[in-house]
Amino acid sequence: MEDQVDEQVECPIRPIEGWIKRKKIPVPSTFKSPKSFAFAIAKSIEKRGVKKYSKKPFIMESIENAAANFGTAALTAGIEKDIIIDINAAATANGAIIT
């Protein structure tokens, strides 16, 4: 399989290799190298294409689901608490004393 990789045009493989490294995706043991794994991914994309995602940010759907399941008041209280915790952590990290 490694020979097949070398025979093919390598330009489309390099970005996939970089993506594998950035995402820290482990190379399955069935592949000899990250290059052969990237080649297999490229061939899969060539055959099947890539999945199209909706333009709507996924976070909005999550927030809407949380509001429906727990109520807007509970969601607001949780967000307020997270903001306060983050502000206190940032202040403490910079030498402030929180009372």
Protein backbone atom coordinates (compact mmCIF):
# COMPACT_ATOMS: atom_id res chain seq x y z
CA MET A 1 0.00 0.00 0.00
CA GLU A 2 2.92 2.35 0.72
CA ASP A 3 4.01 1.99 -2.94
CA GLN A 4 0.54 3.05 -4.05
CA VAL A 5 0.82 6.18 -1.94
CA ASP A 6 4.14 7.14 -3.54
CA GLU A 7 2.75 6.59 -7.04
CA GLN A 8 -0.22 8.88 -6.46
CA VAL A 9 -0.16 12.67 -6.49
CA GLU A 10 0.73 13.55 -2.91
CA CYS A 11 -0.59 17.12 -2.76
CA PRO A 12 -4.09 16.17 -1.53
CA ILE A 13 -2.56 13.87 1.09
CA ARG A 14 -0.42 16.49 2.86
CA PRO A 15 -3.34 18.56 4.18
CA ILE A 16 -5.00 15.38 5.45
CA GLU A 17 -1.77 14.32 7.18
CA GLY A 18 -1.66 17.76 8.84
CA TRP A 19 -5.29 17.41 9.90
CA ILE A 20 -4.56 13.98 11.42
CA LYS A 21 -1.66 15.47 13.42
CA ARG A 22 -3.62 18.56 14.56
CA LYS A 23 -6.57 16.47 15.72
CA LYS A 24 -4.21 13.91 17.30
CA ILE A 25 -6.07 11.10 15.57
CA PRO A 26 -4.31 7.79 16.23
CA VAL A 27 -3.28 5.91 13.10
CA PRO A 28 -5.04 2.51 13.10
CA SER A 29 -2.71 -0.46 13.29
CA THR A 30 -3.88 -1.63 9.85
CA PHE A 31 -1.90 1.23 8.30
CA LYS A 32 1.88 1.32 8.13
CA SER A 33 2.21 5.10 8.43
CA PRO A 34 0.24 8.34 8.76
CA LYS A 35 0.81 8.82 5.02
CA SER A 36 -0.97 5.56 4.14
CA PHE A 37 -3.81 6.45 6.53
CA ALA A 38 -4.13 9.89 4.89
CA PHE A 39 -4.17 8.19 1.48
CA ALA A 40 -7.03 5.94 2.58
CA ILE A 41 -8.97 8.97 3.86
CA ALA A 42 -8.37 10.78 0.55
CA LYS A 43 -9.64 7.77 -1.41
CA SER A 44 -12.71 7.58 0.81
CA ILE A 45 -13.43 11.28 0.21
CA GLU A 46 -12.94 10.71 -3.50
CA LYS A 47 -15.51 7.88 -3.49
CA ARG A 48 -18.07 9.20 -1.00
CA GLY A 49 -17.48 12.94 -0.78
CA VAL A 50 -17.66 14.89 2.46
CA LYS A 51 -20.61 15.36 4.75
CA LYS A 52 -22.24 18.77 4.45
CA TYR A 53 -23.17 20.45 7.71
CA SER A 54 -25.89 23.00 8.12
CA LYS A 55 -24.92 26.64 8.40
CA LYS A 56 -26.74 26.92 11.74
CA PRO A 57 -24.20 26.87 14.59
CA PHE A 58 -24.53 23.65 16.56
CA ILE A 59 -24.25 25.51 19.86
CA MET A 60 -27.63 27.18 19.30
CA GLU A 61 -29.33 23.81 18.98
CA SER A 62 -27.67 22.69 22.22
CA ILE A 63 -28.77 25.83 24.05
CA GLU A 64 -32.33 25.47 22.75
CA ASN A 65 -32.42 21.81 23.86
CA ALA A 66 -31.09 22.71 27.32
CA ALA A 67 -33.68 25.49 27.67
CA ALA A 68 -36.46 23.07 26.66
CA ASN A 69 -35.25 20.34 29.03
CA PHE A 70 -34.26 22.39 32.08
CA GLY A 71 -36.07 25.70 31.63
CA THR A 72 -34.73 29.11 30.75
CA ALA A 73 -34.32 30.17 34.40
CA ALA A 74 -32.09 27.18 35.21
CA LEU A 75 -30.05 27.74 32.06
CA THR A 76 -29.61 31.45 32.86
CA ALA A 77 -28.56 30.66 36.44
CA GLY A 78 -26.02 28.10 35.22
CA ILE A 79 -24.53 30.52 32.69
CA GLU A 80 -24.32 33.27 35.33
CA LYS A 81 -22.50 30.90 37.69
CA ASP A 82 -20.04 29.88 34.95
CA ILE A 83 -19.30 33.53 34.15
CA ILE A 84 -18.70 34.35 37.82
CA ILE A 85 -16.39 31.34 38.21
CA ASP A 86 -14.41 32.38 35.11
CA ILE A 87 -14.10 36.00 36.26
CA ASN A 88 -12.98 34.92 39.74
CA ALA A 89 -10.42 32.49 38.29
CA ALA A 90 -8.99 35.17 35.99
CA ALA A 91 -8.83 37.70 38.81
CA THR A 92 -7.18 35.23 41.20
CA ALA A 93 -4.66 34.21 38.52
CA ASN A 94 -3.66 37.88 38.25
CA GLY A 95 -3.15 38.31 42.00
CA ALA A 96 -6.55 39.59 43.09
CA ILE A 97 -8.14 38.41 46.32
CA ILE A 98 -11.79 37.42 45.97
CA THR A 99 -13.95 37.99 49.04
